[in-house]
Protein backbone atom coordinates (compact mmCIF):
# COMPACT_ATOMS: atom_id res chain seq x y z
CA MET A 1 -1.40 29.68 -224.87
CA ALA A 2 -1.56 33.26 -226.19
CA THR A 3 -0.34 35.02 -229.23
CA ILE A 4 -0.36 38.47 -230.97
CA ALA A 5 -2.28 37.61 -234.11
CA LYS A 6 -2.05 41.01 -235.62
CA MET A 7 -0.83 44.59 -235.02
CA SER A 8 -1.49 47.64 -237.11
CA SER A 9 -1.81 51.38 -237.08
CA GLY A 10 -5.23 53.00 -237.29
CA LYS A 11 -5.94 56.31 -239.00
CA SER A 12 -9.15 56.91 -236.99
CA ALA A 13 -9.25 55.87 -233.27
CA ALA A 14 -12.94 56.49 -233.28
CA GLY A 15 -13.43 54.01 -236.18
CA SER A 16 -11.18 51.40 -234.59
CA ILE A 17 -13.15 51.76 -231.30
CA ASN A 18 -16.48 51.50 -232.95
CA TYR A 19 -15.55 48.22 -234.63
CA ALA A 20 -14.08 46.71 -231.52
CA LEU A 21 -17.03 47.89 -229.47
CA GLY A 22 -19.49 46.76 -232.07
CA LYS A 23 -22.51 48.75 -230.87
CA ASP A 24 -25.69 47.69 -232.42
CA LYS A 25 -23.70 45.32 -234.68
CA GLY A 26 -24.85 41.81 -235.29
CA LEU A 27 -22.64 38.91 -234.10
CA LYS A 28 -20.91 36.90 -236.69
CA ALA A 29 -20.47 33.15 -237.27
CA ASN A 30 -24.05 32.30 -235.79
CA THR A 31 -22.87 33.22 -232.37
CA ASP A 32 -26.36 34.32 -231.30
CA LYS A 33 -27.37 30.62 -231.75
CA TRP A 34 -24.14 29.37 -230.15
CA PHE A 35 -25.19 31.36 -227.13
CA GLU A 36 -28.57 29.82 -227.06
CA ASP A 37 -27.27 26.24 -227.58
CA HIS A 38 -24.88 26.61 -224.60
CA HIS A 39 -27.42 28.45 -222.41
CA LEU A 40 -25.21 31.53 -222.17
CA GLU A 41 -26.27 35.19 -221.81
CA ARG A 42 -24.57 38.18 -223.46
CA PRO A 43 -23.28 40.51 -220.78
CA TYR A 44 -23.69 43.59 -223.13
CA PRO A 45 -26.61 42.83 -225.48
CA ASP A 46 -26.02 46.05 -227.60
CA TYR A 47 -22.21 45.26 -228.18
CA ARG A 48 -20.17 42.59 -229.84
CA ALA A 49 -17.70 42.62 -226.91
CA VAL A 50 -18.34 40.07 -224.17
CA ALA A 51 -15.86 41.86 -221.72
CA MET A 52 -14.33 45.29 -221.67
CA GLY A 53 -11.65 47.05 -219.85
CA GLY A 54 -9.15 49.99 -220.09
CA THR A 55 -5.93 51.51 -218.68
CA ASN A 56 -5.35 55.05 -217.17
CA GLY A 57 -8.96 55.81 -216.40
CA ILE A 58 -10.49 54.78 -219.73
CA ASP A 59 -14.15 53.70 -219.89
CA PRO A 60 -14.36 51.47 -222.86
CA GLU A 61 -17.82 52.54 -223.68
CA ILE A 62 -16.91 56.20 -224.15
CA ALA A 63 -13.12 55.61 -224.93
CA LYS A 64 -13.23 57.49 -228.38
CA GLU A 65 -14.43 60.61 -226.59
CA GLN A 66 -11.58 60.31 -224.02
CA PHE A 67 -9.06 59.64 -226.71
CA ALA A 68 -10.36 62.77 -228.57
CA ALA A 69 -10.17 64.82 -225.43
CA THR A 70 -6.51 63.86 -224.93
CA ARG A 71 -5.62 64.66 -228.59
CA SER A 72 -7.37 68.09 -228.31
CA LEU A 73 -5.69 68.98 -225.06
CA PHE A 74 -2.40 68.61 -226.72
CA ASN A 75 -3.50 70.00 -230.21
CA GLN A 76 -2.69 66.54 -231.92
CA ASP A 77 -6.16 66.38 -233.64
CA GLN A 78 -4.61 67.12 -237.09
CA GLN A 79 -2.24 63.92 -236.81
CA SER A 80 -2.98 60.79 -238.82
CA ASN A 81 -2.55 57.34 -237.40
CA GLN A 82 -4.22 58.04 -234.18
CA CYS A 83 -4.09 54.67 -232.57
CA LEU A 84 -2.26 51.29 -232.47
CA ARG A 85 -4.46 48.21 -232.90
CA ILE A 86 -3.40 44.78 -231.41
CA ILE A 87 -5.26 41.41 -231.60
CA GLN A 88 -4.45 39.15 -228.85
CA SER A 89 -5.71 35.48 -229.20
CA PHE A 90 -6.03 32.65 -226.70
CA ASP A 91 -6.13 28.99 -227.21
CA CYS A 92 -9.44 27.35 -226.07
CA ARG A 93 -7.78 24.72 -224.00
CA GLU A 94 -6.52 27.52 -221.71
CA LEU A 95 -9.28 29.95 -221.90
CA ASN A 96 -12.56 28.47 -222.78
CA ALA A 97 -15.32 30.51 -224.33
CA LEU A 98 -17.89 28.38 -222.61
CA ASN A 99 -16.72 29.61 -219.18
CA ARG A 100 -17.95 33.03 -218.58
CA SER A 101 -15.25 33.75 -215.93
CA ASP A 102 -12.74 33.20 -218.71
CA TRP A 103 -14.21 36.18 -220.75
CA GLN A 104 -13.14 38.57 -217.95
CA ARG A 105 -9.86 36.89 -217.53
CA ALA A 106 -8.99 37.15 -221.10
CA ASN A 107 -9.85 40.84 -220.91
CA ASP A 108 -7.71 41.47 -217.81
CA LEU A 109 -4.75 39.91 -219.57
CA GLY A 110 -5.20 42.23 -222.50
CA VAL A 111 -5.37 45.12 -220.05
CA GLU A 112 -2.15 43.95 -218.52
CA LEU A 113 -0.36 43.66 -221.86
CA ALA A 114 -1.49 47.22 -222.81
CA GLN A 115 -0.34 48.65 -219.48
CA HIS A 116 2.97 47.03 -219.69
CA MET A 117 3.67 48.06 -223.26
CA TYR A 118 2.48 51.80 -223.02
CA PRO A 119 2.06 52.68 -219.22
CA HIS A 120 1.78 56.59 -220.19
CA ASN A 121 -0.88 56.03 -222.92
CA GLN A 122 -4.56 55.38 -222.76
CA ALA A 123 -5.83 51.91 -223.96
CA ALA A 124 -9.25 50.32 -224.39
CA VAL A 125 -9.53 46.48 -224.56
CA TYR A 126 -12.58 44.53 -225.97
CA THR A 127 -12.85 40.78 -225.91
CA HIS A 128 -14.75 38.94 -228.62
CA LEU A 129 -15.69 35.43 -229.25
CA ASP A 130 -17.84 35.66 -232.44
CA ASN A 131 -15.37 34.08 -234.86
CA GLU A 132 -15.55 30.69 -236.69
CA ASN A 133 -14.54 28.66 -233.82
CA HIS A 134 -15.53 30.95 -231.10
CA ILE A 135 -12.00 31.57 -229.87
CA LEU A 136 -11.55 34.35 -227.19
CA HIS A 137 -9.44 37.11 -228.41
CA ASN A 138 -8.83 40.82 -227.52
CA HIS A 139 -9.07 43.97 -229.61
CA ILE A 140 -6.73 46.33 -227.96
CA ILE A 141 -6.83 49.93 -229.13
CA ILE A 142 -3.98 52.26 -227.80
CA ASN A 143 -4.05 56.04 -228.06
CA LYS A 144 -0.70 57.06 -229.58
CA VAL A 145 -0.74 60.38 -227.83
CA SER A 146 0.42 60.24 -224.15
CA PHE A 147 -1.98 61.66 -221.69
CA GLU A 148 0.93 62.75 -219.48
CA THR A 149 3.36 64.52 -221.97
CA GLY A 150 1.14 65.07 -225.00
CA LYS A 151 3.75 63.44 -227.32
CA LYS A 152 2.88 60.96 -229.89
CA PHE A 153 5.03 57.80 -230.22
CA HIS A 154 6.38 56.92 -233.59
CA GLU A 155 7.69 53.38 -233.24
CA PRO A 156 8.58 51.23 -236.33
CA PRO A 157 6.10 48.32 -236.64
CA ARG A 158 8.80 45.81 -235.94
CA THR A 159 9.61 47.37 -232.63
CA SER A 160 6.04 47.49 -231.42
CA ILE A 161 5.21 43.95 -232.53
CA HIS A 162 8.52 42.73 -231.01
CA LEU A 163 7.63 44.46 -227.65
CA ALA A 164 4.07 43.02 -227.63
CA ARG A 165 5.17 39.57 -228.35
CA GLU A 166 7.91 39.72 -225.70
CA ILE A 167 5.40 40.92 -223.01
CA ASN A 168 2.75 38.44 -224.24
CA ASP A 169 5.17 35.61 -223.95
CA GLN A 170 6.14 36.59 -220.38
CA ILE A 171 2.32 36.55 -219.46
CA ALA A 172 1.95 33.13 -221.13
CA GLU A 173 5.09 31.75 -219.46
CA ARG A 174 3.67 33.11 -215.95
CA GLU A 175 0.29 31.28 -216.63
CA GLY A 176 2.09 28.07 -217.66
CA TRP A 177 1.01 28.28 -221.29
CA HIS A 178 2.74 27.70 -224.60
CA VAL A 179 2.90 30.41 -227.09
CA LEU A 180 0.66 30.05 -230.27
CA GLU A 181 2.30 30.91 -233.67
CA PRO A 182 1.05 34.20 -235.08
CA VAL A 183 -1.36 34.23 -237.91
CA HIS A 184 0.10 34.45 -241.45
CA ASP A 185 -1.28 34.60 -245.00
CA ARG A 186 -2.60 31.28 -246.14
CA ILE A 187 -0.05 29.85 -248.63
CA SER A 188 -0.59 26.33 -249.89
CA GLU A 189 2.23 23.92 -250.22
CA ALA A 190 1.82 24.17 -254.00
CA GLU A 191 2.34 27.88 -253.92
CA LYS A 192 5.27 27.58 -251.62
CA ALA A 193 6.94 25.00 -254.03
CA LEU A 194 6.47 27.35 -257.01
CA VAL A 195 7.82 30.24 -255.16
CA LYS A 196 10.80 28.25 -253.99
CA LYS A 197 11.61 27.28 -257.63
CA LYS A 198 11.05 30.98 -258.64
CA GLU A 199 8.21 29.96 -260.97
CA TYR A 200 4.96 31.85 -261.63
CA SER A 201 2.18 31.28 -259.00
CA TYR A 202 -1.25 32.80 -259.99
CA MET A 203 -1.99 32.85 -256.23
CA ARG A 204 0.90 34.94 -255.40
CA ASP A 205 0.25 37.21 -258.37
CA LEU A 206 -3.36 37.72 -257.08
CA ARG A 207 -2.21 38.61 -253.64
CA GLU A 208 0.32 41.09 -254.94
CA ARG A 209 -2.25 42.76 -257.20
CA VAL A 210 -4.80 43.07 -254.21
CA ASN A 211 -2.09 44.36 -251.89
CA ALA A 212 -0.90 46.97 -254.45
CA VAL A 213 -4.61 48.45 -254.65
CA MET A 214 -5.12 48.26 -250.83
CA GLU A 215 -1.80 50.13 -250.15
CA ASP A 216 -3.00 52.97 -252.26
CA PRO A 217 -4.05 55.62 -249.70
CA SER A 218 -6.68 57.17 -252.16
CA VAL A 219 -8.62 53.97 -252.20
CA SER A 220 -11.17 54.76 -249.28
CA SER A 221 -14.43 52.98 -250.58
CA TYR A 222 -15.54 49.83 -251.92
CA GLU A 223 -16.31 51.34 -255.30
CA ALA A 224 -12.81 52.79 -255.44
CA LEU A 225 -11.43 49.27 -254.48
CA ARG A 226 -13.57 47.63 -257.13
CA ASP A 227 -12.45 50.06 -259.73
CA GLY A 228 -8.69 49.81 -258.82
CA LEU A 229 -8.85 45.99 -258.98
CA ALA A 230 -10.54 46.10 -262.25
CA HIS A 231 -7.79 48.29 -263.49
CA SER A 232 -5.40 45.54 -262.42
CA GLY A 233 -7.46 42.98 -264.36
CA ILE A 234 -9.45 41.60 -261.34
CA GLU A 235 -13.24 41.42 -261.12
CA VAL A 236 -14.70 41.42 -257.53
CA ARG A 237 -17.84 39.35 -256.87
CA ASP A 238 -19.70 39.63 -253.62
CA ARG A 239 -22.03 36.73 -253.33
CA GLY A 240 -22.87 37.33 -249.62
CA GLY A 241 -21.21 35.84 -246.55
CA ASP A 242 -17.90 36.77 -245.14
CA TRP A 243 -15.70 36.30 -248.19
CA LEU A 244 -15.23 37.95 -251.60
CA SER A 245 -14.47 36.23 -254.96
CA PHE A 246 -11.76 37.46 -257.29
CA HIS A 247 -12.19 36.66 -260.96
CA PHE A 248 -9.02 37.31 -263.11
CA ARG A 249 -6.77 36.12 -265.90
CA SER A 250 -3.33 34.95 -264.88
CA ASN A 251 -0.09 35.77 -266.77
CA ASN A 252 -0.36 32.45 -268.59
CA GLY A 253 -3.86 33.48 -270.05
CA ALA A 254 -5.77 31.04 -267.70
CA LEU A 255 -8.98 32.40 -266.02
CA HIS A 256 -9.28 31.91 -262.27
CA THR A 257 -11.82 32.43 -259.63
CA VAL A 258 -10.44 32.63 -256.14
CA ARG A 259 -12.37 33.11 -252.90
CA SER A 260 -10.57 35.61 -250.68
CA LYS A 261 -10.47 33.02 -247.79
CA ARG A 262 -7.71 31.17 -249.71
CA LEU A 263 -5.56 34.38 -249.30
CA GLY A 264 -5.91 34.68 -245.53
CA GLU A 265 -7.90 36.29 -242.61
CA ASP A 266 -6.80 39.82 -243.77
CA TYR A 267 -8.70 39.41 -247.01
CA SER A 268 -12.10 38.75 -245.46
CA LYS A 269 -14.88 41.11 -246.54
CA GLU A 270 -15.26 42.49 -243.15
CA ARG A 271 -11.54 43.26 -242.66
CA ILE A 272 -11.39 44.96 -246.09
CA ILE A 273 -14.57 47.00 -245.61
CA HIS A 274 -13.41 47.97 -242.03
CA GLU A 275 -10.18 49.34 -243.28
CA LEU A 276 -11.84 51.23 -246.15
CA GLU A 277 -14.43 52.76 -243.75
CA ASN A 278 -11.59 53.90 -241.52
CA ARG A 279 -9.79 55.61 -244.43
CA SER A 280 -13.18 57.23 -245.32
CA ARG A 281 -13.64 58.58 -241.94
CA ALA A 282 -10.04 59.86 -241.69
CA ARG A 283 -10.62 61.83 -245.01
CA GLN A 284 -13.76 63.42 -243.66
CA VAL A 285 -12.31 64.70 -240.45
CA THR A 286 -13.59 68.27 -239.80
CA VAL A 287 -10.75 70.78 -239.07
CA VAL A 288 -11.57 73.13 -236.15
CA LYS A 289 -9.78 76.03 -234.79
CA PRO A 290 -7.83 75.47 -231.63
CA GLU A 291 -10.15 77.65 -229.51
CA GLN A 292 -13.06 75.43 -230.79
CA GLN A 293 -11.59 72.12 -230.20
CA PHE A 294 -12.82 71.52 -226.75
CA GLU A 295 -16.28 72.85 -227.74
CA HIS A 296 -16.33 70.52 -230.68
CA VAL A 297 -15.33 67.43 -228.65
CA SER A 298 -17.76 68.28 -225.92
CA THR A 299 -20.60 68.64 -228.43
CA ARG A 300 -19.74 65.33 -230.13
CA ALA A 301 -19.38 63.63 -226.72
CA THR A 302 -22.78 64.78 -225.68
CA ALA A 303 -24.39 63.57 -228.70
CA GLU A 304 -22.78 60.06 -228.34
CA ILE A 305 -23.47 59.49 -224.67
CA ARG A 306 -26.83 61.25 -224.40
CA SER A 307 -28.51 58.01 -223.54
CA SER A 308 -25.97 57.20 -220.71
CA THR A 309 -27.09 57.72 -217.17
CA ARG A 310 -26.25 60.75 -215.00
CA GLN A 311 -24.07 58.52 -212.70
CA ARG A 312 -21.82 57.54 -215.63
CA THR A 313 -21.50 61.16 -216.87
CA GLU A 314 -20.49 62.32 -213.41
CA SER A 315 -17.93 59.44 -213.26
CA VAL A 316 -16.47 60.38 -216.64
CA ALA A 317 -16.24 64.02 -215.67
CA LYS A 318 -14.42 63.15 -212.44
CA GLN A 319 -12.07 61.04 -214.34
CA ILE A 320 -11.29 63.64 -216.86
CA ARG A 321 -10.74 66.22 -213.99
CA GLN A 322 -8.48 63.79 -212.29
CA SER A 323 -6.53 63.14 -215.52
CA ASN A 324 -6.22 66.93 -216.16
CA GLN A 325 -5.12 67.47 -212.54
CA ARG A 326 -2.46 64.83 -212.90
CA ILE A 327 -1.34 66.45 -216.22
CA SER A 328 -1.26 69.91 -214.51
CA GLU A 329 0.67 68.51 -211.51
CA ARG A 330 3.27 66.80 -213.75
CA LEU A 331 3.59 69.99 -215.87
CA ARG A 332 4.01 72.07 -212.66
CA GLU A 333 6.67 69.73 -211.06
CA PRO A 334 9.55 71.14 -213.31
CA PHE A 335 8.58 74.50 -212.67
CA ILE A 336 8.45 74.05 -208.82
CA ARG A 337 11.89 72.29 -209.00
CA LEU A 338 13.35 75.17 -211.03
CA GLU A 339 11.76 77.69 -208.68
CA THR A 340 13.19 75.77 -205.67
CA ALA A 341 16.69 75.69 -207.22
CA VAL A 342 16.43 79.33 -208.09
CA ASN A 343 15.58 80.30 -204.47
CA ARG A 344 18.37 78.04 -203.11
CA PHE A 345 20.72 79.80 -205.46
CA ALA A 346 19.51 83.22 -204.47
CA GLY A 347 19.82 82.25 -200.85
CA ARG A 348 23.34 81.17 -201.43
CA VAL A 349 24.18 84.40 -203.34
CA GLN A 350 22.73 86.55 -200.52
CA GLY A 351 24.60 84.76 -197.95
CA LEU A 352 27.87 85.10 -199.92
CA GLY A 353 27.08 88.86 -200.50
CA GLU A 354 26.66 89.24 -196.75
CA LYS A 355 29.95 87.51 -196.13
CA ILE A 356 31.78 89.71 -198.70
CA ARG A 357 30.25 92.81 -197.35
CA GLY A 358 31.24 91.93 -193.71
CA ALA A 359 34.86 91.05 -194.77
CA PHE A 360 34.97 94.27 -196.84
CA GLU A 361 33.69 96.45 -194.07
CA LYS A 362 36.01 94.75 -191.55
CA ARG A 363 39.03 95.31 -193.88
CA LEU A 364 38.08 98.87 -194.65
CA LYS A 365 37.89 99.72 -190.89
CA SER A 366 41.22 98.22 -190.41
CA ARG A 367 42.65 100.20 -193.22
CA THR A 368 41.06 103.30 -192.17
CA LYS A 369 42.36 102.97 -188.65
CA SER A 370 45.89 102.41 -190.01
CA VAL A 371 45.60 105.45 -192.19
CA LEU A 372 44.49 107.47 -189.29
CA GLU A 373 47.35 106.46 -187.14
CA LEU A 374 49.87 107.18 -189.87
CA MET A 375 48.41 110.64 -190.36
CA LYS A 376 48.67 111.25 -186.60
CA GLN A 377 52.30 110.05 -186.64
CA ARG A 378 53.01 112.38 -189.69
CA ASN A 379 51.23 115.34 -188.04
CA LYS A 380 53.39 114.85 -184.82
CA GLN A 381 56.67 114.56 -186.97
CA HIS A 382 55.59 117.81 -188.80
CA ASP A 383 54.96 119.65 -185.44
CA ILE A 384 58.48 118.58 -184.20
CA THR A 385 60.07 119.64 -187.44
CA GLN A 386 58.39 123.04 -187.24
CA SER A 387 59.55 123.47 -183.61
CA LEU A 388 63.17 122.69 -184.66
CA LEU A 389 62.95 125.05 -187.56
CA ALA A 390 61.56 127.80 -185.36
CA LYS A 391 64.50 127.17 -182.74
CA ASN A 392 66.98 127.20 -185.57
CA ARG A 393 65.69 130.50 -186.85
CA ALA A 394 65.83 132.02 -183.38
CA PHE A 395 69.41 130.73 -182.75
CA ASP A 396 70.37 132.35 -186.23
CA LEU A 397 68.90 135.66 -185.35
CA ALA A 398 70.65 135.59 -181.94
CA GLN A 399 74.00 134.89 -183.62
CA ARG A 400 73.51 137.70 -186.04
CA ALA A 401 72.56 140.12 -183.20
CA ALA A 402 75.65 139.06 -181.14
CA ARG A 403 78.06 139.59 -184.11
CA LYS A 404 76.51 143.07 -184.72
CA THR A 405 76.93 144.03 -181.12
CA SER A 406 80.47 142.86 -181.17
CA ARG A 407 81.42 144.92 -184.20
CA GLY A 408 79.79 148.00 -182.55
CA TRP A 409 82.01 147.58 -179.51
CA GLU A 410 85.10 147.34 -181.60
CA GLN A 411 84.30 150.59 -183.34
CA GLU A 412 83.82 152.46 -180.09
CA ARG A 413 87.30 151.56 -178.90
């Protein structure tokens, strides 16, 4: 069984990756003790993730630097909503957290989902099991900027979640699993009955008040959240643990204290604080000039991975070079095709020009020869005419002389 438990956009890719990677973060739900009780060792003692993977050359441990390099390469650093976040959950009857091999298998299925959804975008996949029932689930972080075209996808949420569930169902069907129902808000039967009868429900009222404050983009800290809820008539009480308590007065005047657990998973203290931290980081992004972007990313990456080994650094550099080479090759391909087409056209034009010139020269020679022959004929006719005219003049002169001589003889007689 597998399901897409949640999907949302993240303003900060770095914040989303930090949460999913969980570097130097303690495990939740007494998972350390759970590991000890079942004689299991954490593969990554410094991380929350028990398995990691990625698509299109992504190294999950430095994914945020690689995401940033792609955004900088295409001048997309100033864009908000840098990533898409997907939570993919598995049923313990199909993938058992007690089986170490299932950790990697769950991660591989998450990588497959990301690759099929967005084959031209980078993705990092982190597998967790430190929840209440130690259920294996993936945190999939997808870079919205394509590493091939540099374009950022802007899909409506319904389109993305429909695509994710369709591919996820295909994977589940191939594995012979059933598909789990997606996680929804926790709505009691009593609340459903009141809503159905269009009557007032204090739980629904509370949920709508909290949502209204959380949807305000200016709320980016716990203090701002507390003040916003206080303005809506809700007092927040943090008594430790994973859940908050909301103390408020309903529309009928009654006082209520409700733990956020009753509203659903999205209202846990960790989820709320994580979302607020992401907003805070997004508001504090430093604006750099385009010519300084690569230097900025490089400096930040160096600070983050200073403790990494030389071998990993060389591997990352090689992956980036290969990625840049693929990008350059893909960018050059249209120009190469255009150049080939132009050369082919030029060759055809040249051949056509030679044919036209040859035909013109041939026709010119023929016409020239005809004109010369005509001129010869006309010159010959002219000579004959001149000869006849000369003979006519001579004959006239002879006649005149004969008549003159004849008159002379007659006079002598």
